[in-house]
Amino acid sequence: MSASVPARPPSGTGARLLVHLPFAAVLLLVALAGLRIAMYHWREGAVLIGGALLVAAVFRAALTTAQAGMLVIRGRVVDIASYAGLGLVILFLALTITGGPLR
C-alpha cells in the first residue's frame, strides 16, 4: 500500500488567492441567505442555502483537489454526496412547506 500524497496548491500569490474563490462564492451565497432570513424571508434564505450547497457540490466535482481549496473536507465522492444531499434536502423542505413568500 502506498500513501497518497496530497495535491500541492498552485504557486504564486495570485494562484493562491484563486484557490479561495470557490469557497468565497459559496460563502457569499450563504451570507445573502442570512440577509434574506434576517429580513423575515426565511424560505428564500433556505432556498439560497440549499443552492449554495449545490454550487459547492458542482465546484467540488469540477475542480481538482488543489483548486477546490477549503471546499475539500473528505474524499471527492463523499464531499459531492454530502453537499448535494444536504442541498437537495434543504431545497425540498423549503419548497414544500406551505405558506410564506414562495407559493
N, C-alpha and C. Protein backbone atom coordinates (compact mmCIF):
# COMPACT_ATOMS: atom_id res chain seq x y z
N MET A 1 0.84 -1.18 0.00
CA MET A 1 0.00 0.00 0.00
C MET A 1 0.87 1.23 0.00
N SER A 2 0.52 2.17 -0.84
CA SER A 2 1.27 3.41 -0.86
C SER A 2 0.38 4.54 -0.36
N ALA A 3 0.98 5.42 0.37
CA ALA A 3 0.23 6.55 0.90
C ALA A 3 0.05 7.58 -0.21
N SER A 4 -1.14 8.14 -0.29
CA SER A 4 -1.37 9.15 -1.32
C SER A 4 -0.81 10.48 -0.85
N VAL A 5 -0.22 11.18 -1.78
CA VAL A 5 0.37 12.47 -1.49
C VAL A 5 -0.66 13.53 -1.84
N PRO A 6 -0.99 14.43 -0.92
CA PRO A 6 -1.97 15.45 -1.23
C PRO A 6 -1.48 16.36 -2.35
N ALA A 7 -2.42 16.81 -3.16
CA ALA A 7 -2.07 17.70 -4.26
C ALA A 7 -1.57 19.03 -3.72
N ARG A 8 -0.53 19.54 -4.34
CA ARG A 8 0.03 20.81 -3.89
C ARG A 8 -0.75 21.97 -4.50
N PRO A 9 -1.03 23.00 -3.73
CA PRO A 9 -1.72 24.15 -4.28
C PRO A 9 -0.83 24.87 -5.27
N PRO A 10 -1.41 25.60 -6.20
CA PRO A 10 -0.61 26.33 -7.18
C PRO A 10 0.30 27.34 -6.49
N SER A 11 1.47 27.57 -7.10
CA SER A 11 2.41 28.52 -6.50
C SER A 11 2.12 29.93 -7.01
N GLY A 12 2.64 30.92 -6.32
CA GLY A 12 2.41 32.32 -6.67
C GLY A 12 1.27 32.90 -5.88
N THR A 13 1.35 34.18 -5.60
CA THR A 13 0.33 34.83 -4.79
C THR A 13 -1.03 34.84 -5.47
N GLY A 14 -1.07 35.16 -6.74
CA GLY A 14 -2.34 35.20 -7.47
C GLY A 14 -3.00 33.84 -7.52
N ALA A 15 -2.21 32.82 -7.77
CA ALA A 15 -2.75 31.47 -7.85
C ALA A 15 -3.26 31.00 -6.48
N ARG A 16 -2.56 31.39 -5.42
CA ARG A 16 -3.01 31.00 -4.08
C ARG A 16 -4.32 31.69 -3.72
N LEU A 17 -4.53 32.90 -4.20
CA LEU A 17 -5.79 33.59 -3.95
C LEU A 17 -6.93 32.98 -4.75
N LEU A 18 -6.64 32.51 -5.96
CA LEU A 18 -7.67 31.89 -6.79
C LEU A 18 -8.22 30.61 -6.17
N VAL A 19 -7.42 29.94 -5.37
CA VAL A 19 -7.87 28.71 -4.72
C VAL A 19 -9.04 29.00 -3.79
N HIS A 20 -9.13 30.18 -3.26
CA HIS A 20 -10.17 30.51 -2.29
C HIS A 20 -11.45 31.05 -2.94
N LEU A 21 -11.44 31.29 -4.25
CA LEU A 21 -12.63 31.83 -4.91
C LEU A 21 -13.86 30.92 -4.85
N PRO A 22 -13.74 29.62 -5.07
CA PRO A 22 -14.94 28.78 -4.96
C PRO A 22 -15.57 28.83 -3.56
N PHE A 23 -14.75 28.77 -2.53
CA PHE A 23 -15.27 28.85 -1.17
C PHE A 23 -15.88 30.23 -0.91
N ALA A 24 -15.24 31.28 -1.42
CA ALA A 24 -15.77 32.64 -1.24
C ALA A 24 -17.12 32.80 -1.93
N ALA A 25 -17.29 32.18 -3.10
CA ALA A 25 -18.56 32.26 -3.81
C ALA A 25 -19.67 31.58 -3.00
N VAL A 26 -19.37 30.41 -2.46
CA VAL A 26 -20.35 29.69 -1.64
C VAL A 26 -20.67 30.50 -0.38
N LEU A 27 -19.64 31.06 0.23
CA LEU A 27 -19.82 31.86 1.44
C LEU A 27 -20.66 33.11 1.16
N LEU A 28 -20.47 33.71 -0.01
CA LEU A 28 -21.27 34.88 -0.40
C LEU A 28 -22.74 34.50 -0.52
N LEU A 29 -23.03 33.35 -1.12
CA LEU A 29 -24.42 32.90 -1.22
C LEU A 29 -25.03 32.66 0.15
N VAL A 30 -24.26 32.08 1.06
CA VAL A 30 -24.77 31.84 2.42
C VAL A 30 -24.99 33.17 3.15
N ALA A 31 -24.11 34.14 2.91
CA ALA A 31 -24.29 35.47 3.53
C ALA A 31 -25.57 36.13 3.00
N LEU A 32 -25.81 36.01 1.70
CA LEU A 32 -27.06 36.55 1.14
C LEU A 32 -28.27 35.84 1.74
N ALA A 33 -28.15 34.54 1.95
CA ALA A 33 -29.23 33.78 2.57
C ALA A 33 -29.48 34.28 3.99
N GLY A 34 -28.42 34.51 4.73
CA GLY A 34 -28.57 35.04 6.08
C GLY A 34 -29.24 36.41 6.08
N LEU A 35 -28.93 37.22 5.09
CA LEU A 35 -29.57 38.54 4.97
C LEU A 35 -31.06 38.39 4.70
N ARG A 36 -31.42 37.48 3.78
CA ARG A 36 -32.83 37.26 3.47
C ARG A 36 -33.58 36.71 4.70
N ILE A 37 -32.94 35.83 5.44
CA ILE A 37 -33.56 35.29 6.65
C ILE A 37 -33.75 36.39 7.67
N ALA A 38 -32.77 37.27 7.81
CA ALA A 38 -32.86 38.38 8.75
C ALA A 38 -33.97 39.35 8.35
N MET A 39 -34.30 39.38 7.07
CA MET A 39 -35.37 40.25 6.58
C MET A 39 -36.73 39.54 6.62
N TYR A 40 -36.80 38.42 7.35
CA TYR A 40 -38.02 37.64 7.55
C TYR A 40 -38.51 36.96 6.27
N HIS A 41 -37.60 36.67 5.36
CA HIS A 41 -37.91 35.87 4.17
C HIS A 41 -37.15 34.56 4.32
N TRP A 42 -37.56 33.77 5.32
CA TRP A 42 -36.79 32.59 5.68
C TRP A 42 -36.82 31.51 4.61
N ARG A 43 -37.91 31.41 3.86
CA ARG A 43 -37.96 30.39 2.81
C ARG A 43 -36.99 30.73 1.68
N GLU A 44 -36.92 31.99 1.30
CA GLU A 44 -35.96 32.39 0.27
C GLU A 44 -34.53 32.17 0.76
N GLY A 45 -34.30 32.47 2.03
CA GLY A 45 -32.98 32.23 2.60
C GLY A 45 -32.62 30.76 2.61
N ALA A 46 -33.59 29.91 2.93
CA ALA A 46 -33.34 28.47 2.93
C ALA A 46 -33.07 27.96 1.52
N VAL A 47 -33.78 28.50 0.54
CA VAL A 47 -33.53 28.12 -0.86
C VAL A 47 -32.12 28.53 -1.26
N LEU A 48 -31.69 29.72 -0.84
CA LEU A 48 -30.32 30.16 -1.15
C LEU A 48 -29.27 29.27 -0.48
N ILE A 49 -29.53 28.84 0.73
CA ILE A 49 -28.58 27.94 1.41
C ILE A 49 -28.51 26.60 0.68
N GLY A 50 -29.66 26.06 0.30
CA GLY A 50 -29.67 24.82 -0.48
C GLY A 50 -28.95 24.99 -1.81
N GLY A 51 -29.18 26.12 -2.46
CA GLY A 51 -28.48 26.41 -3.71
C GLY A 51 -26.98 26.54 -3.51
N ALA A 52 -26.57 27.16 -2.41
CA ALA A 52 -25.14 27.30 -2.12
C ALA A 52 -24.49 25.94 -1.94
N LEU A 53 -25.18 25.01 -1.28
CA LEU A 53 -24.64 23.67 -1.12
C LEU A 53 -24.54 22.94 -2.46
N LEU A 54 -25.51 23.16 -3.34
CA LEU A 54 -25.43 22.55 -4.66
C LEU A 54 -24.30 23.15 -5.49
N VAL A 55 -24.08 24.45 -5.35
CA VAL A 55 -22.95 25.10 -6.02
C VAL A 55 -21.64 24.52 -5.50
N ALA A 56 -21.56 24.30 -4.18
CA ALA A 56 -20.36 23.70 -3.60
C ALA A 56 -20.14 22.30 -4.17
N ALA A 57 -21.22 21.54 -4.37
CA ALA A 57 -21.09 20.20 -4.95
C ALA A 57 -20.56 20.26 -6.38
N VAL A 58 -21.05 21.22 -7.14
CA VAL A 58 -20.58 21.38 -8.53
C VAL A 58 -19.11 21.78 -8.55
N PHE A 59 -18.74 22.74 -7.70
CA PHE A 59 -17.33 23.14 -7.62
C PHE A 59 -16.45 21.96 -7.25
N ARG A 60 -16.89 21.18 -6.28
CA ARG A 60 -16.08 20.05 -5.81
C ARG A 60 -15.95 18.99 -6.90
N ALA A 61 -17.00 18.83 -7.71
CA ALA A 61 -16.95 17.85 -8.79
C ALA A 61 -16.11 18.34 -9.96
N ALA A 62 -16.16 19.63 -10.24
CA ALA A 62 -15.49 20.16 -11.44
C ALA A 62 -14.02 20.50 -11.21
N LEU A 63 -13.66 20.85 -9.99
CA LEU A 63 -12.30 21.31 -9.72
C LEU A 63 -11.46 20.18 -9.14
N THR A 64 -10.15 20.30 -9.33
CA THR A 64 -9.23 19.34 -8.70
C THR A 64 -9.19 19.60 -7.20
N THR A 65 -8.60 18.68 -6.48
CA THR A 65 -8.49 18.83 -5.03
C THR A 65 -7.70 20.09 -4.68
N ALA A 66 -6.66 20.39 -5.43
CA ALA A 66 -5.86 21.59 -5.16
C ALA A 66 -6.64 22.86 -5.48
N GLN A 67 -7.47 22.83 -6.52
CA GLN A 67 -8.22 24.02 -6.92
C GLN A 67 -9.45 24.26 -6.04
N ALA A 68 -10.00 23.22 -5.43
CA ALA A 68 -11.22 23.36 -4.64
C ALA A 68 -10.97 24.03 -3.29
N GLY A 69 -9.74 24.05 -2.85
CA GLY A 69 -9.39 24.77 -1.63
C GLY A 69 -10.13 24.30 -0.41
N MET A 70 -10.81 25.22 0.27
CA MET A 70 -11.47 24.92 1.54
C MET A 70 -12.77 24.13 1.39
N LEU A 71 -13.20 23.86 0.16
CA LEU A 71 -14.37 23.01 -0.05
C LEU A 71 -14.03 21.54 0.13
N VAL A 72 -12.74 21.22 0.19
CA VAL A 72 -12.30 19.84 0.38
C VAL A 72 -12.37 19.50 1.86
N ILE A 73 -13.17 18.49 2.19
CA ILE A 73 -13.28 18.04 3.58
C ILE A 73 -12.85 16.59 3.68
N ARG A 74 -13.43 15.74 2.88
CA ARG A 74 -13.11 14.31 2.84
C ARG A 74 -12.72 13.97 1.41
N GLY A 75 -13.00 12.78 1.00
CA GLY A 75 -12.76 12.38 -0.38
C GLY A 75 -13.73 13.07 -1.32
N ARG A 76 -13.40 13.08 -2.60
CA ARG A 76 -14.23 13.77 -3.60
C ARG A 76 -15.66 13.25 -3.59
N VAL A 77 -15.85 11.94 -3.61
CA VAL A 77 -17.20 11.36 -3.68
C VAL A 77 -18.00 11.70 -2.43
N VAL A 78 -17.38 11.61 -1.27
CA VAL A 78 -18.07 11.92 -0.01
C VAL A 78 -18.45 13.40 0.03
N ASP A 79 -17.55 14.27 -0.39
CA ASP A 79 -17.85 15.71 -0.40
C ASP A 79 -19.02 16.02 -1.33
N ILE A 80 -18.97 15.48 -2.54
CA ILE A 80 -20.03 15.75 -3.52
C ILE A 80 -21.37 15.21 -3.01
N ALA A 81 -21.37 14.00 -2.49
CA ALA A 81 -22.62 13.41 -1.98
C ALA A 81 -23.16 14.20 -0.79
N SER A 82 -22.28 14.64 0.09
CA SER A 82 -22.72 15.40 1.26
C SER A 82 -23.28 16.75 0.87
N TYR A 83 -22.54 17.49 0.04
CA TYR A 83 -23.02 18.82 -0.38
C TYR A 83 -24.33 18.70 -1.15
N ALA A 84 -24.38 17.79 -2.11
CA ALA A 84 -25.58 17.66 -2.94
C ALA A 84 -26.76 17.13 -2.12
N GLY A 85 -26.52 16.14 -1.28
CA GLY A 85 -27.60 15.58 -0.47
C GLY A 85 -28.21 16.60 0.47
N LEU A 86 -27.36 17.29 1.21
CA LEU A 86 -27.87 18.31 2.13
C LEU A 86 -28.56 19.46 1.38
N GLY A 87 -27.98 19.86 0.25
CA GLY A 87 -28.59 20.92 -0.55
C GLY A 87 -29.97 20.54 -1.04
N LEU A 88 -30.12 19.31 -1.53
CA LEU A 88 -31.43 18.86 -2.02
C LEU A 88 -32.44 18.72 -0.90
N VAL A 89 -32.02 18.25 0.27
CA VAL A 89 -32.94 18.14 1.40
C VAL A 89 -33.42 19.52 1.84
N ILE A 90 -32.51 20.48 1.92
CA ILE A 90 -32.90 21.84 2.32
C ILE A 90 -33.83 22.45 1.28
N LEU A 91 -33.52 22.28 0.00
CA LEU A 91 -34.41 22.80 -1.05
C LEU A 91 -35.78 22.14 -0.97
N PHE A 92 -35.82 20.83 -0.79
CA PHE A 92 -37.09 20.12 -0.70
C PHE A 92 -37.92 20.67 0.46
N LEU A 93 -37.31 20.80 1.63
CA LEU A 93 -38.04 21.30 2.79
C LEU A 93 -38.52 22.72 2.59
N ALA A 94 -37.65 23.58 2.03
CA ALA A 94 -38.03 24.98 1.85
C ALA A 94 -39.15 25.13 0.82
N LEU A 95 -39.16 24.31 -0.19
CA LEU A 95 -40.17 24.46 -1.25
C LEU A 95 -41.46 23.72 -0.97
N THR A 96 -41.47 22.79 -0.02
CA THR A 96 -42.69 22.03 0.23
C THR A 96 -43.46 22.52 1.45
N ILE A 97 -42.86 23.35 2.28
CA ILE A 97 -43.60 23.90 3.42
C ILE A 97 -44.57 24.94 2.89
N THR A 98 -45.83 24.80 3.26
CA THR A 98 -46.85 25.69 2.73
C THR A 98 -46.83 27.03 3.43
N GLY A 99 -47.32 28.04 2.72
CA GLY A 99 -47.34 29.39 3.25
C GLY A 99 -46.04 30.09 3.01
N GLY A 100 -46.00 31.35 3.28
CA GLY A 100 -44.76 32.10 3.10
C GLY A 100 -44.67 32.72 1.72
N PRO A 101 -43.57 33.40 1.44
CA PRO A 101 -43.45 34.17 0.21
C PRO A 101 -43.29 33.34 -1.07
N LEU A 102 -42.87 32.10 -1.00
CA LEU A 102 -42.69 31.28 -2.22
C LEU A 102 -43.87 30.33 -2.36
N ARG A 103 -44.97 30.81 -2.88
CA ARG A 103 -46.17 29.95 -3.01
C ARG A 103 -46.23 29.34 -4.35
